[in-house]
Structures are given as structure tokens and as C-alpha cells.
Amino acid sequence: MSTKSQNDAKAQSPSGTIPTVSFAHQRAAAEERRQAYPYRFPRDRRQLGGKYSVAENARRLLRFFYFERRLMQALGAWTLSIPEFEVKLETGRHIFYHGDAARLLRERLNEQEMRLRDIDGFRDPEIDRVIEEMLSANSACELLVGMHQVIGRALATAYEHHIDDTDPVTDVPTIRCLRRILSDYEPMLEWAEGAIAAYIEGGVVESELAVWRWHLQRLLASIGGVTGTDARAEVPKPLRTDSKLFARGTVPLRDARFDTFKNTGDYDTADEQERFPKDSYENLRLRFIRTQRDEVDAIEAFGTFIWDIRFKDFQSEYNLARITWDEARHTEIGHRALLACDYDPFELRNRLTGSTCRGPMEPAFAMAEINLFGEVGVLKTINNLIDAAAERNDALLHHISDFIRADERTHVRKGAGIIKVMTDLEAKALEQRTRELFTECLVSLGAFKQDMDVFTVSREDLEHLVGE
């Protein structure tokens, strides 16, 4: 191109833009090649352009991450205090959904040049105020209203808007991240609507829930909503947390369908008679299935640990969230297996021994009990149980125990890392102190008589009495 032609191109281009310099013969040749190309693939209709810079994108994603992390922690804090079986079980699942959402957002933030320690160290006192007020719910139903109908809905809407507003080409990793999160949100929010409707149908006063919902919606609006960019409303008064700070429960609650016991870990003792001979395959089989149903107490344990170690280490929180979800699945497995064995699951008494002891305990010792004794105890016996099920062509037990074995192996491995975050004690000292604390608890519950010559219960007895 001549100097004159270049000058003419510059003169014709709008002010401040870069001119296009195209050669006619090359453009014509490109068109000829295109016409000769035989394939007509679907057209990608995405266009460059979005509302957010990398910095603004990261600012919003960091708030999303913090909300998800706090919701994971908050649900964990309530696991002991939810009486209703279905809600406790579903909460174990939702803990992981929020934990996994936080993980995905954390990874995307790291890709956008934020250091992991800065992401993990982020705090927002305004978001904390919303979460802590939500935690002051007077019932599990109120918790669901705040968790799902207020904050959950607001997050889902914010994610959908972010997908629409960010650049669909340059920021497609964020879009994929948010769509993956929304794939969990859809069933979670749908379930919550049905659960709240069930509470209302069962006698919960709908108008009181509406007052609570409006209160939390106004509180969320007072911080500019999920993104912090909406017009700010006045802070509603009074806040429940102004008069009483939230403290997690320590007592495991069950709904009216359960008949519970806590003075022993042995099912035959609790039932006051044997269903099958003690060492028979039938007895071991039923004990294993009942133990899985009773892992509802493990939902409580691992969920509570998330709250108790909050902000110490994100990876440990995430691993605990995953384990909590696994325990919720184990509870489902046990419940459905009892049905498949022609039992009404609620006819079989529910063991509260483990949660009753762990609830008030320091998290390191509670975690040690369930990890070092409960889960290790399962792994000591499950191989023989699987082999016995195969010999007897017991397809039900063989199937469920095969999957549970894989989960428990993973839990023991991950648990070792979590315990290191919880305590500096060496393994022997941790095990000894845990046995001492559980002995004291078991004595207080009547599992041992006061006049028995017991200093600390043995590892084997502890595995049997509180076997997870």
C-alpha cells in the first residue's frame, strides 16, 4: 500500500480507532477459498464484549466465594439442631453443594491472578452480619427460609445475571463455573420450596415465616445485595443478633418418629433382646445396615467440625463438606436397605451415643474418635463382611458395603490431614486423650456402671460401642 493510500485510510477511520488495512486481492482470495470449503458448521453467535473488567469480575466472584463458604459453614453449625430426618439428611448434601461452589469460585479467582492465601483470607463483616442473623433462626424451617428462599435465591439470580453480563468469549471459564454451580442450585432450591411447604402443611405458621423472610431480605438489601452494587436499604431493626449471639447446638435432635437411645452402643442391649444370635451372619448384617442408617450422627459430626474449624484451612473445610455428603449418602443407604429388608426403619431404635459424646467435645478429640476409632473400625471388619455376603449370594449387602468401603478408605486418608489442622498433639497423645474423654462420657450415659474398674475404654470396645 502506498503512503497516500495509508494516509487516506487513517483519514477515513473514526477518531481514536485503529484503521483496517486490507488488500483487495487477498480478501477476494479468502472469499474464494471459503466458498470452496465444503462444511457448514453451526455458527458461533457469541460476541465480544461484557460489562466487567478482570478486576470487577474478581471483586464479584470473591463475594460469591465468601457467601458460599459461609453458607457451607452455617449449615454445618445447624446439623445437630435439625430434628427432622429428611431435612438433616438433605442439609448434609447441601453442605457439599455450597462447599463445591466455593471451590470452583476459588479456582477461578486464582486463575484471575488472585493468590489463594488472599482468597482464603478474605472477610466481609457485612456478609457476616447477614449470615449470623440467618443462623439465629428459631427453627429448622426458619433456617431453610433464610438459607434458600432469601440468600440461595439471591445468589442464583446473581449468577444468572453474571452469566448474561460477562463477556461470553473472554470470560467463558467463569460462565462455565457458574453454570456448574447452578446445576446444583436448581434441585436444592426446588427441594427447599417443597420442604417449607411441608412444614406449613404440618402446622408451622406461614405468616411468621413471611415476617422472617422479609426481615432477612431487607438485611441483605442493606449491604447492597449479593454483589454489593444494589441500592442500599436501611438495616432492619431489631436484629436478633443484637441481643443474643449465635452459638451452635451441642445436643443431637431427632423428630417424633424416632425411638432413640444413648446409654449404650450395642443394639441388642438397646432392644433388650436379641433378634439373631450374637455372632451370626444375620446379626452382623443387620448391625451393619442399622449402623449406616444411624450415620445420621456422622452428618452432625462432620458438619459441626466445619463450623468449629471455620477459616483455619479451606481445603480441610472442603474435605469435611465432602465427607458430610458421603455420610448423608450412607444414611440414605441404610434407610433404603432397611426398607429392602422389610423393616420400617423407624421401628429400629436410633443410636445417639456418638453425637451425644461428640457434641460438646473439642473438635480435635471428636474428630479423632470418629476417624481413628469409628471409620478405622469399619475398615477392620468390612472386608470379611463383603466376603461373607458374596458367599451367601447376599446381593444387597455386597452392593452397599462395596461402595461404603471405598468411602471409608477415603475418609480415613482425608481425616489424617484434617486432624493436623485441628491439633498439634501427636497421634498417641491424641488417641489416649480421646479414649479418656469418651470413657467419661460413656460412664455418664450409663454405658458403664460407676463402680466398674474402668480407667479408659479399650480401642476395641470403643469401636464396638460407638461404631460408625
Protein backbone atom coordinates (compact mmCIF):
# COMPACT_ATOMS: atom_id res chain seq x y z
CA MET A 1 0.00 0.00 0.00
CA SER A 2 1.30 3.46 -0.93
CA THR A 3 1.87 6.17 1.62
CA LYS A 4 -1.03 8.11 0.08
CA SER A 5 -3.41 5.10 0.48
CA GLN A 6 -2.35 4.65 4.13
CA ASN A 7 -2.99 8.31 4.83
CA ASP A 8 -6.39 8.06 3.15
CA ALA A 9 -7.27 5.03 5.38
CA LYS A 10 -6.28 6.95 8.50
CA ALA A 11 -8.31 9.96 7.38
CA GLN A 12 -11.42 7.81 6.87
CA SER A 13 -11.20 5.98 10.21
CA PRO A 14 -13.10 7.34 13.24
CA SER A 15 -11.12 9.37 15.73
CA GLY A 16 -9.18 7.22 18.23
CA THR A 17 -9.64 3.93 16.38
CA ILE A 18 -7.11 1.76 14.60
CA PRO A 19 -7.69 1.69 10.83
CA THR A 20 -8.20 -1.51 8.88
CA VAL A 21 -5.64 -2.09 6.16
CA SER A 22 -6.98 -4.75 3.76
CA PHE A 23 -5.67 -5.80 0.34
CA ALA A 24 -8.41 -6.43 -2.20
CA HIS A 25 -6.73 -9.42 -3.87
CA GLN A 26 -6.21 -11.17 -0.51
CA ARG A 27 -9.81 -10.58 0.59
CA ALA A 28 -11.09 -11.90 -2.74
CA ALA A 29 -8.86 -14.96 -2.43
CA ALA A 30 -10.12 -15.62 1.10
CA GLU A 31 -13.72 -15.45 -0.14
CA GLU A 32 -12.89 -17.89 -2.96
CA ARG A 33 -11.34 -20.38 -0.52
CA ARG A 34 -14.34 -20.05 1.80
CA GLN A 35 -16.78 -20.79 -1.00
CA ALA A 36 -14.82 -23.90 -1.93
CA TYR A 37 -14.82 -25.21 1.68
CA PRO A 38 -17.47 -27.99 1.85
CA TYR A 39 -18.52 -27.87 5.54
CA ARG A 40 -21.13 -25.53 7.02
CA PHE A 41 -20.69 -25.84 10.76
CA PRO A 42 -23.13 -24.21 13.23
CA ARG A 43 -22.34 -20.54 13.59
CA ASP A 44 -20.93 -19.36 16.92
CA ARG A 45 -23.14 -16.37 17.66
CA ARG A 46 -21.27 -15.17 20.74
CA GLN A 47 -20.00 -11.61 20.53
CA LEU A 48 -17.04 -9.96 22.21
CA GLY A 49 -17.93 -7.51 24.92
CA GLY A 50 -19.08 -7.63 28.54
CA LYS A 51 -19.75 -5.36 31.48
CA TYR A 52 -16.81 -6.43 33.65
CA SER A 53 -13.09 -5.91 33.69
CA VAL A 54 -10.93 -8.62 35.23
CA ALA A 55 -10.79 -6.59 38.45
CA GLU A 56 -14.56 -6.12 38.67
CA ASN A 57 -15.14 -9.74 37.72
CA ALA A 58 -12.84 -10.84 40.54
CA ARG A 59 -14.48 -8.48 43.05
CA ARG A 60 -17.87 -10.04 42.39
CA LEU A 61 -16.57 -13.61 42.31
CA LEU A 62 -14.82 -13.04 45.63
CA ARG A 63 -18.12 -12.05 47.23
CA PHE A 64 -19.77 -15.10 45.67
CA PHE A 65 -16.98 -17.29 47.08
CA TYR A 66 -17.36 -15.79 50.53
CA PHE A 67 -21.12 -16.28 50.54
CA GLU A 68 -20.72 -19.94 49.51
CA ARG A 69 -18.04 -20.59 52.11
CA ARG A 70 -20.14 -19.02 54.83
CA LEU A 71 -23.26 -20.96 53.81
CA MET A 72 -21.27 -24.21 53.98
CA GLN A 73 -20.13 -23.29 57.49
CA ALA A 74 -23.59 -22.12 58.55
CA LEU A 75 -25.34 -25.31 57.54
CA GLY A 76 -22.67 -27.27 59.39
CA ALA A 77 -23.38 -25.29 62.53
CA TRP A 78 -27.05 -26.35 62.45
CA THR A 79 -26.64 -30.08 61.77
CA LEU A 80 -27.08 -31.11 65.41
CA SER A 81 -30.10 -28.86 65.90
CA ILE A 82 -32.24 -30.03 62.97
CA PRO A 83 -34.74 -32.62 64.26
CA GLU A 84 -36.42 -33.68 61.02
CA PHE A 85 -34.72 -36.66 59.38
CA GLU A 86 -35.24 -35.62 55.76
CA VAL A 87 -34.04 -32.06 56.44
CA LYS A 88 -30.95 -33.20 58.33
CA LEU A 89 -30.10 -35.61 55.54
CA GLU A 90 -30.64 -33.05 52.78
CA THR A 91 -28.60 -30.50 54.73
CA GLY A 92 -25.66 -32.91 54.63
CA ARG A 93 -25.93 -32.87 50.86
CA HIS A 94 -26.31 -29.09 50.62
CA ILE A 95 -23.24 -28.50 52.77
CA PHE A 96 -21.20 -30.07 49.99
CA TYR A 97 -23.05 -28.20 47.24
CA HIS A 98 -22.03 -24.90 48.82
CA GLY A 99 -18.53 -26.17 49.58
CA ASP A 100 -18.07 -27.28 45.99
CA ALA A 101 -19.38 -23.94 44.71
CA ALA A 102 -16.79 -22.21 46.90
CA ARG A 103 -14.07 -24.47 45.50
CA LEU A 104 -14.98 -23.71 41.90
CA LEU A 105 -15.09 -19.97 42.53
CA ARG A 106 -11.80 -20.13 44.41
CA GLU A 107 -10.13 -21.87 41.46
CA ARG A 108 -11.49 -19.27 39.03
CA LEU A 109 -10.31 -16.42 41.22
CA ASN A 110 -6.86 -17.99 41.35
CA GLU A 111 -6.87 -18.12 37.54
CA GLN A 112 -7.64 -14.41 37.56
CA GLU A 113 -4.37 -13.71 39.34
CA MET A 114 -5.56 -13.74 42.96
CA ARG A 115 -3.35 -15.63 45.36
CA LEU A 116 -5.02 -18.46 47.24
CA ARG A 117 -3.98 -17.06 50.61
CA ASP A 118 -5.64 -13.76 49.72
CA ILE A 119 -8.82 -15.52 48.63
CA ASP A 120 -8.90 -17.66 51.78
CA GLY A 121 -8.09 -14.66 53.96
CA PHE A 122 -10.94 -12.54 52.59
CA ARG A 123 -13.52 -11.43 55.16
CA ASP A 124 -16.57 -9.21 54.81
CA PRO A 125 -18.23 -8.07 58.05
CA GLU A 126 -21.42 -7.07 56.25
CA ILE A 127 -21.87 -10.54 54.76
CA ASP A 128 -21.01 -11.98 58.18
CA ARG A 129 -23.83 -9.95 59.72
CA VAL A 130 -26.33 -11.41 57.24
CA ILE A 131 -25.11 -14.98 57.83
CA GLU A 132 -25.10 -14.64 61.61
CA GLU A 133 -28.63 -13.22 61.61
CA MET A 134 -29.78 -16.10 59.43
CA LEU A 135 -28.16 -18.51 61.91
CA SER A 136 -30.31 -17.07 64.69
CA ALA A 137 -33.33 -18.80 63.16
CA ASN A 138 -35.73 -20.17 65.77
CA SER A 139 -36.31 -23.43 63.91
CA ALA A 140 -35.05 -25.56 61.08
CA CYS A 141 -37.89 -24.22 58.94
CA GLU A 142 -36.74 -20.63 59.54
CA LEU A 143 -33.22 -21.72 58.65
CA LEU A 144 -34.45 -23.06 55.30
CA VAL A 145 -36.28 -19.81 54.61
CA GLY A 146 -33.11 -17.78 55.15
CA MET A 147 -30.72 -20.23 53.55
CA HIS A 148 -32.73 -20.98 50.41
CA GLN A 149 -35.58 -18.56 49.87
CA VAL A 150 -33.53 -15.47 50.72
CA ILE A 151 -29.78 -15.98 50.25
CA GLY A 152 -29.91 -19.00 47.95
CA ARG A 153 -32.40 -17.37 45.58
CA ALA A 154 -30.41 -14.14 45.58
CA LEU A 155 -27.20 -15.98 44.73
CA ALA A 156 -28.84 -17.97 41.93
CA THR A 157 -30.20 -14.76 40.43
CA ALA A 158 -26.81 -13.04 40.73
CA TYR A 159 -25.11 -15.99 39.00
CA GLU A 160 -27.63 -15.89 36.14
CA HIS A 161 -27.15 -12.14 35.71
CA HIS A 162 -23.37 -12.53 35.78
CA ILE A 163 -23.57 -15.15 33.04
CA ASP A 164 -25.65 -12.75 30.94
CA ASP A 165 -23.43 -9.71 31.59
CA THR A 166 -19.88 -11.00 31.42
CA ASP A 167 -18.02 -11.46 28.14
CA PRO A 168 -19.18 -14.79 26.62
CA VAL A 169 -15.86 -15.29 24.84
CA THR A 170 -13.08 -13.90 27.02
CA ASP A 171 -14.72 -14.95 30.31
CA VAL A 172 -16.24 -18.27 29.33
CA PRO A 173 -14.44 -20.10 32.21
CA THR A 174 -16.46 -18.01 34.68
CA ILE A 175 -19.67 -18.78 32.79
CA ARG A 176 -18.92 -22.50 32.92
CA CYS A 177 -18.10 -22.26 36.62
CA LEU A 178 -21.39 -20.52 37.43
CA ARG A 179 -23.44 -22.89 35.28
CA ARG A 180 -21.96 -25.86 37.11
CA ILE A 181 -22.91 -24.26 40.41
CA LEU A 182 -26.44 -23.55 39.18
CA SER A 183 -26.84 -27.22 38.24
CA ASP A 184 -26.80 -27.94 41.99
CA TYR A 185 -28.85 -24.90 42.90
CA GLU A 186 -31.87 -25.89 40.81
CA PRO A 187 -32.68 -29.15 42.69
CA MET A 188 -31.57 -27.64 46.01
CA LEU A 189 -33.93 -24.66 45.77
CA GLU A 190 -36.75 -26.80 44.42
CA TRP A 191 -36.38 -29.19 47.35
CA ALA A 192 -36.39 -26.28 49.83
CA GLU A 193 -39.68 -24.96 48.44
CA GLY A 194 -41.26 -28.36 48.94
CA ALA A 195 -39.80 -28.74 52.42
CA ILE A 196 -41.04 -25.34 53.58
CA ALA A 197 -44.48 -26.15 52.15
CA ALA A 198 -44.43 -29.41 54.15
CA TYR A 199 -43.64 -27.50 57.34
CA ILE A 200 -46.57 -25.14 56.70
CA GLU A 201 -48.90 -28.01 55.93
CA GLY A 202 -47.78 -29.63 59.17
CA GLY A 203 -48.66 -26.60 61.30
CA VAL A 204 -45.86 -24.03 61.05
CA VAL A 205 -47.42 -20.54 60.91
CA GLU A 206 -46.86 -19.19 57.42
CA SER A 207 -47.20 -15.52 58.39
CA GLU A 208 -44.35 -15.85 60.89
CA LEU A 209 -42.13 -17.26 58.15
CA ALA A 210 -43.11 -14.35 55.90
CA VAL A 211 -42.05 -11.85 58.58
CA TRP A 212 -38.68 -13.60 58.96
CA ARG A 213 -38.20 -13.79 55.18
CA TRP A 214 -38.89 -10.06 54.77
CA HIS A 215 -36.54 -9.25 57.64
CA LEU A 216 -33.64 -11.16 56.05
CA GLN A 217 -34.40 -9.78 52.59
CA ARG A 218 -34.16 -6.23 53.98
CA LEU A 219 -30.93 -7.09 55.77
CA LEU A 220 -29.43 -8.46 52.55
CA ALA A 221 -30.60 -5.33 50.72
CA SER A 222 -28.88 -3.18 53.35
CA ILE A 223 -25.47 -4.43 52.18
CA GLY A 224 -26.19 -3.87 48.50
CA GLY A 225 -27.36 -7.41 47.87
CA VAL A 226 -25.16 -10.31 46.88
CA THR A 227 -22.91 -8.22 44.62
CA GLY A 228 -22.79 -5.18 46.90
CA THR A 229 -23.81 -2.93 43.99
CA ASP A 230 -27.59 -2.68 44.50
CA ALA A 231 -29.18 0.36 46.12
CA ARG A 232 -28.84 0.02 49.88
CA ALA A 233 -31.86 -0.19 52.16
CA GLU A 234 -32.00 0.67 55.84
CA VAL A 235 -30.82 -2.03 58.23
CA PRO A 236 -33.94 -3.63 59.74
CA LYS A 237 -34.23 -3.34 63.50
CA PRO A 238 -34.01 -5.03 65.81
CA LEU A 239 -31.61 -7.75 64.73
CA ARG A 240 -31.79 -10.95 66.75
CA THR A 241 -28.00 -10.97 67.00
CA ASP A 242 -28.13 -7.59 68.77
CA SER A 243 -29.47 -9.32 71.86
CA LYS A 244 -28.01 -12.81 71.53
CA LEU A 245 -25.06 -14.08 69.51
CA PHE A 246 -25.42 -17.40 67.74
CA ALA A 247 -23.95 -20.47 69.41
CA ARG A 248 -24.15 -23.87 67.74
CA GLY A 249 -26.11 -26.61 69.41
CA THR A 250 -24.49 -29.45 71.30
CA VAL A 251 -27.46 -31.85 71.64
CA PRO A 252 -28.45 -34.16 68.74
CA LEU A 253 -32.13 -33.70 67.93
CA ARG A 254 -34.45 -36.25 66.30
CA ASP A 255 -38.05 -35.94 65.14
CA ALA A 256 -41.03 -37.70 66.75
CA ARG A 257 -40.83 -40.76 64.50
CA PHE A 258 -37.60 -41.93 66.16
CA ASP A 259 -37.19 -44.02 69.28
CA THR A 260 -33.67 -43.20 70.47
CA PHE A 261 -31.12 -44.49 72.93
CA LYS A 262 -27.76 -43.21 74.11
CA ASN A 263 -26.85 -45.30 77.16
CA THR A 264 -25.13 -47.95 75.05
CA GLY A 265 -23.65 -48.51 71.63
CA ASP A 266 -24.96 -52.08 71.41
CA TYR A 267 -28.20 -52.61 69.52
CA ASP A 268 -29.17 -55.83 71.31
CA THR A 269 -28.75 -54.12 74.68
CA ALA A 270 -30.84 -51.18 73.48
CA ASP A 271 -33.55 -53.50 72.11
CA GLU A 272 -33.46 -55.52 75.39
CA GLN A 273 -33.40 -58.75 73.38
CA GLU A 274 -31.54 -60.41 70.54
CA ARG A 275 -33.04 -60.53 67.07
CA PHE A 276 -30.41 -63.02 65.87
CA PRO A 277 -27.65 -64.99 67.63
CA LYS A 278 -24.81 -62.60 68.53
CA ASP A 279 -22.10 -63.88 66.18
CA SER A 280 -24.39 -64.98 63.36
CA TYR A 281 -24.13 -63.56 59.86
CA GLU A 282 -27.71 -62.31 60.16
CA ASN A 283 -26.84 -60.31 63.26
CA LEU A 284 -23.71 -58.79 61.74
CA ARG A 285 -25.65 -57.94 58.58
CA LEU A 286 -28.44 -56.13 60.41
CA ARG A 287 -25.99 -54.33 62.69
CA PHE A 288 -24.07 -53.04 59.68
CA ILE A 289 -27.22 -51.77 57.95
CA ARG A 290 -28.52 -50.15 61.15
CA THR A 291 -25.14 -48.53 61.65
CA GLN A 292 -25.40 -46.96 58.20
CA ARG A 293 -28.87 -45.57 58.93
CA ASP A 294 -27.51 -44.22 62.19
CA GLU A 295 -24.75 -42.36 60.38
CA VAL A 296 -27.17 -39.51 60.60
CA ASP A 297 -24.95 -38.76 63.62
CA ALA A 298 -21.94 -38.55 61.31
CA ILE A 299 -23.71 -35.82 59.32
CA GLU A 300 -23.88 -33.97 62.64
CA ALA A 301 -20.26 -34.67 63.48
CA PHE A 302 -18.59 -33.60 60.26
CA GLY A 303 -20.95 -30.70 59.71
CA THR A 304 -20.16 -29.40 63.18
CA PHE A 305 -16.43 -29.74 62.54
CA ILE A 306 -16.74 -27.40 59.55
CA TRP A 307 -18.17 -24.75 61.86
CA ASP A 308 -15.71 -25.40 64.66
CA ILE A 309 -12.61 -25.04 62.45
CA ARG A 310 -14.02 -22.32 60.17
CA PHE A 311 -11.39 -20.20 58.44
CA LYS A 312 -8.48 -22.33 59.65
CA ASP A 313 -7.93 -24.06 56.31
CA PHE A 314 -10.20 -24.04 53.27
CA GLN A 315 -9.10 -27.44 51.97
CA SER A 316 -9.97 -29.04 55.31
CA GLU A 317 -13.38 -27.36 55.29
CA TYR A 318 -13.95 -28.63 51.77
CA ASN A 319 -12.87 -32.18 52.65
CA LEU A 320 -15.20 -32.14 55.64
CA ALA A 321 -18.03 -30.96 53.40
CA ARG A 322 -17.42 -33.85 51.04
CA ILE A 323 -17.31 -36.34 53.90
CA THR A 324 -20.56 -34.88 55.27
CA TRP A 325 -22.21 -35.51 51.91
CA ASP A 326 -20.86 -39.07 51.93
CA GLU A 327 -22.35 -39.63 55.39
CA ALA A 328 -25.68 -38.33 54.16
CA ARG A 329 -25.50 -40.93 51.37
CA HIS A 330 -24.63 -43.63 53.89
CA THR A 331 -27.68 -42.65 55.93
CA GLU A 332 -29.82 -42.94 52.79
CA ILE A 333 -28.23 -46.29 52.00
CA GLY A 334 -29.01 -47.61 55.46
CA HIS A 335 -32.57 -46.30 55.43
CA ARG A 336 -33.32 -47.78 52.00
CA ALA A 337 -31.59 -51.05 52.83
CA LEU A 338 -33.79 -51.47 55.91
CA LEU A 339 -36.84 -50.97 53.71
CA ALA A 340 -35.44 -53.56 51.27
CA CYS A 341 -35.09 -55.95 54.23
CA ASP A 342 -38.81 -55.46 55.03
CA TYR A 343 -38.28 -53.27 58.12
CA ASP A 344 -39.92 -49.99 58.89
CA PRO A 345 -36.69 -48.04 59.54
CA PHE A 346 -38.35 -46.14 62.38
CA GLU A 347 -39.20 -49.37 64.24
CA LEU A 348 -35.48 -49.81 64.87
CA ARG A 349 -34.13 -47.62 67.65
CA ASN A 350 -31.71 -44.86 66.69
CA ARG A 351 -28.35 -44.68 68.48
CA LEU A 352 -27.35 -41.23 69.75
CA THR A 353 -24.30 -42.30 71.73
CA GLY A 354 -21.68 -40.86 69.37
CA SER A 355 -23.28 -37.46 68.81
CA THR A 356 -24.15 -37.09 72.48
CA CYS A 357 -20.49 -37.50 73.39
CA ARG A 358 -19.03 -35.56 70.48
CA GLY A 359 -21.43 -32.62 70.53
CA PRO A 360 -19.89 -30.73 73.49
CA MET A 361 -16.36 -32.01 72.85
CA GLU A 362 -13.41 -30.05 71.44
CA PRO A 363 -13.32 -30.72 67.70
CA ALA A 364 -9.90 -32.40 67.62
CA PHE A 365 -10.96 -35.13 70.06
CA ALA A 366 -14.38 -35.54 68.46
CA MET A 367 -12.75 -35.89 65.05
CA ALA A 368 -10.22 -38.35 66.41
CA GLU A 369 -12.98 -40.54 67.81
CA ILE A 370 -14.92 -40.79 64.59
CA ASN A 371 -11.84 -41.04 62.34
CA LEU A 372 -9.39 -43.10 64.41
CA PHE A 373 -11.95 -45.41 66.01
CA GLY A 374 -15.24 -45.33 64.11
CA GLU A 375 -14.07 -45.37 60.50
CA VAL A 376 -10.93 -47.41 61.12
CA GLY A 377 -13.14 -49.89 63.00
CA VAL A 378 -15.37 -50.28 59.96
CA LEU A 379 -12.39 -50.96 57.72
CA LYS A 380 -11.20 -53.71 60.09
CA THR A 381 -14.37 -55.71 59.63
CA ILE A 382 -15.90 -54.75 56.30
CA ASN A 383 -13.72 -56.96 54.10
CA ASN A 384 -14.87 -60.09 55.95
CA LEU A 385 -18.46 -58.87 55.75
CA ILE A 386 -18.21 -58.36 51.99
CA ASP A 387 -16.68 -61.82 51.55
CA ALA A 388 -19.42 -63.38 53.69
CA ALA A 389 -22.11 -61.57 51.67
CA ALA A 390 -20.61 -62.93 48.45
CA GLU A 391 -20.54 -66.49 49.82
CA ARG A 392 -24.23 -66.23 50.75
CA ASN A 393 -25.18 -64.57 47.49
CA ASP A 394 -26.45 -61.60 49.51
CA ALA A 395 -26.50 -59.10 46.67
CA LEU A 396 -27.95 -56.24 48.75
CA LEU A 397 -25.28 -56.23 51.44
CA HIS A 398 -22.47 -56.94 48.99
CA HIS A 399 -23.51 -54.00 46.83
CA ILE A 400 -23.86 -51.36 49.56
CA SER A 401 -20.83 -52.43 51.59
CA ASP A 402 -18.61 -52.34 48.49
CA PHE A 403 -19.34 -48.64 47.99
CA ILE A 404 -19.18 -47.81 51.69
CA ARG A 405 -15.73 -49.44 51.97
CA ALA A 406 -14.40 -47.15 49.24
CA ASP A 407 -15.84 -44.09 51.02
CA GLU A 408 -14.41 -45.05 54.40
CA ARG A 409 -10.93 -45.58 53.00
CA THR A 410 -11.09 -42.09 51.54
CA HIS A 411 -12.36 -40.64 54.82
CA VAL A 412 -9.53 -42.14 56.84
CA ARG A 413 -6.98 -40.73 54.41
CA LYS A 414 -8.51 -37.26 54.32
CA GLY A 415 -9.17 -37.31 58.05
CA ALA A 416 -5.47 -37.53 58.85
CA GLY A 417 -4.91 -34.16 57.17
CA ILE A 418 -7.93 -32.59 58.83
CA ILE A 419 -6.78 -33.67 62.29
CA LYS A 420 -3.44 -31.96 61.71
CA VAL A 421 -5.31 -28.69 61.18
CA MET A 422 -7.28 -29.23 64.38
CA THR A 423 -4.47 -30.04 66.80
CA ASP A 424 -0.73 -30.16 67.35
CA LEU A 425 -0.97 -33.26 69.55
CA GLU A 426 0.94 -36.31 68.44
CA ALA A 427 -1.08 -39.36 67.45
CA LYS A 428 -0.58 -41.37 70.66
CA ALA A 429 -1.44 -38.47 72.93
CA LEU A 430 -4.49 -37.63 70.82
CA GLU A 431 -5.73 -41.21 70.87
CA GLN A 432 -5.20 -41.57 74.61
CA ARG A 433 -6.99 -38.33 75.50
CA THR A 434 -9.85 -39.18 73.14
CA ARG A 435 -10.32 -42.56 74.82
CA GLU A 436 -10.31 -40.89 78.23
CA LEU A 437 -12.93 -38.34 77.23
CA PHE A 438 -15.17 -40.97 75.70
CA THR A 439 -14.83 -43.18 78.74
CA GLU A 440 -16.02 -40.29 80.91
CA CYS A 441 -18.92 -39.68 78.57
CA LEU A 442 -19.93 -43.34 78.36
CA VAL A 443 -19.87 -43.64 82.13
CA SER A 444 -22.08 -40.56 82.45
CA LEU A 445 -24.53 -42.06 79.93
CA GLY A 446 -24.70 -45.36 81.79
CA ALA A 447 -22.90 -47.44 79.18
CA PHE A 448 -20.56 -48.43 82.03
CA LYS A 449 -21.51 -48.67 85.66
CA GLN A 450 -19.90 -46.20 88.05
CA ASP A 451 -18.45 -48.99 90.18
CA MET A 452 -16.75 -50.71 87.26
CA ASP A 453 -12.98 -50.71 87.36
CA VAL A 454 -12.59 -48.77 84.11
CA PHE A 455 -9.88 -46.19 83.54
CA THR A 456 -10.16 -45.85 79.78
CA VAL A 457 -12.23 -47.96 77.44
CA SER A 458 -10.17 -50.04 75.06
CA ARG A 459 -9.88 -49.23 71.37
CA GLU A 460 -11.83 -52.41 70.52
CA ASP A 461 -14.67 -51.64 72.92
CA LEU A 462 -14.87 -48.07 71.71
CA GLU A 463 -15.09 -49.25 68.10
CA HIS A 464 -17.95 -51.55 69.11
CA LEU A 465 -19.83 -49.16 71.41
CA VAL A 466 -19.75 -46.16 69.12
CA GLY A 467 -19.03 -47.94 65.82
CA GLU A 468 -19.73 -45.53 62.98
